[in-house]
N, C-alpha and C. Protein backbone atom coordinates (compact mmCIF):
# COMPACT_ATOMS: atom_id res chain seq x y z
N MET A 1 -11.60 11.85 -1.10
CA MET A 1 -10.62 11.43 -0.10
C MET A 1 -9.22 11.59 -0.70
N PRO A 2 -8.29 12.22 0.02
CA PRO A 2 -6.93 12.37 -0.50
C PRO A 2 -6.22 11.02 -0.59
N TYR A 3 -5.24 10.94 -1.44
CA TYR A 3 -4.51 9.70 -1.66
C TYR A 3 -3.45 9.53 -0.57
N THR A 4 -3.88 9.03 0.58
CA THR A 4 -3.03 8.87 1.76
C THR A 4 -2.71 7.39 1.97
N PRO A 5 -1.76 7.07 2.89
CA PRO A 5 -1.51 5.66 3.20
C PRO A 5 -2.76 4.91 3.63
N LEU A 6 -3.63 5.56 4.42
CA LEU A 6 -4.87 4.91 4.83
C LEU A 6 -5.74 4.59 3.62
N PHE A 7 -5.88 5.55 2.71
CA PHE A 7 -6.67 5.32 1.50
C PHE A 7 -6.09 4.16 0.70
N ARG A 8 -4.75 4.10 0.56
CA ARG A 8 -4.13 3.01 -0.19
C ARG A 8 -4.36 1.67 0.49
N SER A 9 -4.30 1.62 1.84
CA SER A 9 -4.51 0.34 2.53
C SER A 9 -5.95 -0.13 2.38
N VAL A 10 -6.90 0.79 2.50
CA VAL A 10 -8.31 0.43 2.33
C VAL A 10 -8.54 -0.08 0.91
N THR A 11 -7.96 0.59 -0.06
CA THR A 11 -8.10 0.17 -1.46
C THR A 11 -7.50 -1.22 -1.66
N ALA A 12 -6.33 -1.49 -1.08
CA ALA A 12 -5.69 -2.80 -1.23
C ALA A 12 -6.56 -3.90 -0.64
N VAL A 13 -7.18 -3.64 0.50
CA VAL A 13 -8.04 -4.64 1.13
C VAL A 13 -9.30 -4.86 0.31
N THR A 14 -9.94 -3.80 -0.11
CA THR A 14 -11.21 -3.96 -0.82
C THR A 14 -11.04 -4.54 -2.23
N THR A 15 -9.88 -4.34 -2.84
CA THR A 15 -9.65 -4.89 -4.17
C THR A 15 -8.87 -6.20 -4.14
N ARG A 16 -8.58 -6.67 -2.91
CA ARG A 16 -7.85 -7.93 -2.72
C ARG A 16 -6.48 -7.93 -3.42
N THR A 17 -5.79 -6.81 -3.33
CA THR A 17 -4.45 -6.69 -3.90
C THR A 17 -3.44 -6.43 -2.78
N LEU A 18 -3.53 -7.25 -1.74
CA LEU A 18 -2.65 -7.08 -0.59
C LEU A 18 -1.20 -7.37 -1.00
N PRO A 19 -0.26 -6.56 -0.53
CA PRO A 19 1.13 -6.75 -0.95
C PRO A 19 1.81 -7.96 -0.33
N ALA A 20 1.27 -8.53 0.72
CA ALA A 20 1.87 -9.71 1.36
C ALA A 20 0.80 -10.75 1.58
N ASP A 21 0.13 -11.14 0.53
CA ASP A 21 -1.02 -12.02 0.61
C ASP A 21 -0.66 -13.35 1.28
N GLY A 22 -1.52 -13.82 2.18
CA GLY A 22 -1.37 -15.12 2.80
C GLY A 22 -0.56 -15.12 4.08
N ALA A 23 0.11 -14.05 4.44
CA ALA A 23 0.93 -14.00 5.64
C ALA A 23 0.21 -13.18 6.72
N ARG A 24 0.59 -13.40 7.96
CA ARG A 24 0.09 -12.55 9.05
C ARG A 24 0.71 -11.17 8.86
N GLN A 25 -0.11 -10.14 8.79
CA GLN A 25 0.36 -8.81 8.42
C GLN A 25 0.10 -7.79 9.52
N HIS A 26 1.01 -6.84 9.62
CA HIS A 26 0.83 -5.69 10.51
C HIS A 26 1.02 -4.45 9.65
N TRP A 27 -0.07 -3.76 9.35
CA TRP A 27 -0.04 -2.57 8.50
C TRP A 27 0.22 -1.35 9.36
N VAL A 28 1.21 -0.55 8.98
CA VAL A 28 1.57 0.63 9.76
C VAL A 28 1.74 1.84 8.86
N GLY A 29 1.53 3.01 9.45
CA GLY A 29 1.64 4.26 8.69
C GLY A 29 2.98 4.95 8.84
N CYS A 30 3.88 4.40 9.69
CA CYS A 30 5.19 5.01 9.86
C CYS A 30 6.17 3.98 10.42
N GLU A 31 7.41 4.38 10.54
CA GLU A 31 8.48 3.50 11.02
C GLU A 31 8.31 3.06 12.47
N ARG A 32 7.52 3.76 13.26
CA ARG A 32 7.37 3.41 14.68
C ARG A 32 6.68 2.07 14.87
N ARG A 33 5.81 1.71 13.96
CA ARG A 33 5.12 0.41 13.99
C ARG A 33 4.37 0.16 15.28
N CYS A 34 3.67 1.15 15.75
CA CYS A 34 2.91 1.04 17.01
C CYS A 34 1.94 -0.14 16.95
N GLY A 35 1.84 -0.85 18.06
CA GLY A 35 0.90 -1.96 18.17
C GLY A 35 1.34 -3.25 17.52
N ARG A 36 2.62 -3.36 17.15
CA ARG A 36 3.12 -4.56 16.47
C ARG A 36 2.95 -5.77 17.37
N PRO A 37 2.32 -6.84 16.87
CA PRO A 37 2.14 -8.04 17.68
C PRO A 37 3.44 -8.83 17.82
N GLN A 38 3.49 -9.69 18.82
CA GLN A 38 4.64 -10.57 18.98
C GLN A 38 4.55 -11.71 18.00
N GLY A 39 5.67 -12.36 17.77
CA GLY A 39 5.70 -13.51 16.88
C GLY A 39 6.02 -13.12 15.45
N ARG A 40 5.94 -14.12 14.58
CA ARG A 40 6.25 -13.89 13.16
C ARG A 40 5.15 -13.06 12.52
N VAL A 41 5.55 -12.01 11.85
CA VAL A 41 4.59 -11.13 11.19
C VAL A 41 5.29 -10.40 10.05
N VAL A 42 4.56 -10.12 9.01
CA VAL A 42 5.06 -9.31 7.90
C VAL A 42 4.63 -7.88 8.14
N ASP A 43 5.59 -6.96 8.21
CA ASP A 43 5.27 -5.55 8.36
C ASP A 43 5.00 -4.96 6.98
N VAL A 44 3.89 -4.28 6.84
CA VAL A 44 3.56 -3.55 5.62
C VAL A 44 3.61 -2.07 6.01
N VAL A 45 4.73 -1.42 5.66
CA VAL A 45 5.00 -0.06 6.10
C VAL A 45 4.65 0.92 4.99
N ALA A 46 3.80 1.88 5.30
CA ALA A 46 3.43 2.90 4.31
C ALA A 46 4.62 3.83 4.08
N THR A 47 4.84 4.16 2.81
CA THR A 47 5.87 5.12 2.42
C THR A 47 5.19 6.17 1.54
N PRO A 48 5.87 7.26 1.23
CA PRO A 48 5.25 8.27 0.37
C PRO A 48 4.86 7.75 -1.02
N THR A 49 5.49 6.66 -1.47
CA THR A 49 5.22 6.16 -2.82
C THR A 49 4.50 4.82 -2.86
N GLY A 50 4.15 4.27 -1.70
CA GLY A 50 3.48 2.97 -1.68
C GLY A 50 3.75 2.24 -0.39
N TYR A 51 4.11 0.97 -0.48
CA TYR A 51 4.37 0.17 0.71
C TYR A 51 5.74 -0.49 0.62
N ARG A 52 6.32 -0.74 1.80
CA ARG A 52 7.55 -1.52 1.88
C ARG A 52 7.21 -2.76 2.70
N ILE A 53 7.55 -3.93 2.20
CA ILE A 53 7.28 -5.19 2.86
C ILE A 53 8.53 -5.63 3.60
N GLU A 54 8.38 -5.94 4.90
CA GLU A 54 9.50 -6.41 5.71
C GLU A 54 9.06 -7.66 6.45
N GLU A 55 9.72 -8.77 6.20
CA GLU A 55 9.39 -10.03 6.85
C GLU A 55 10.39 -10.32 7.96
N ASP A 56 9.89 -11.02 9.00
CA ASP A 56 10.79 -11.44 10.10
C ASP A 56 11.82 -12.40 9.58
């Protein structure tokens, strides 16, 4: 499997190394953030080098 944002997110979940542990999270593969829920949420945005965490 190539080292893609999806691969990194699956790895983070299976190894319990989530970048925003304990918060309600919305994981996205690009800036569009499709499907973002309403309310307080931490966006975990995939970038070419890893993840960027953005909190409300």
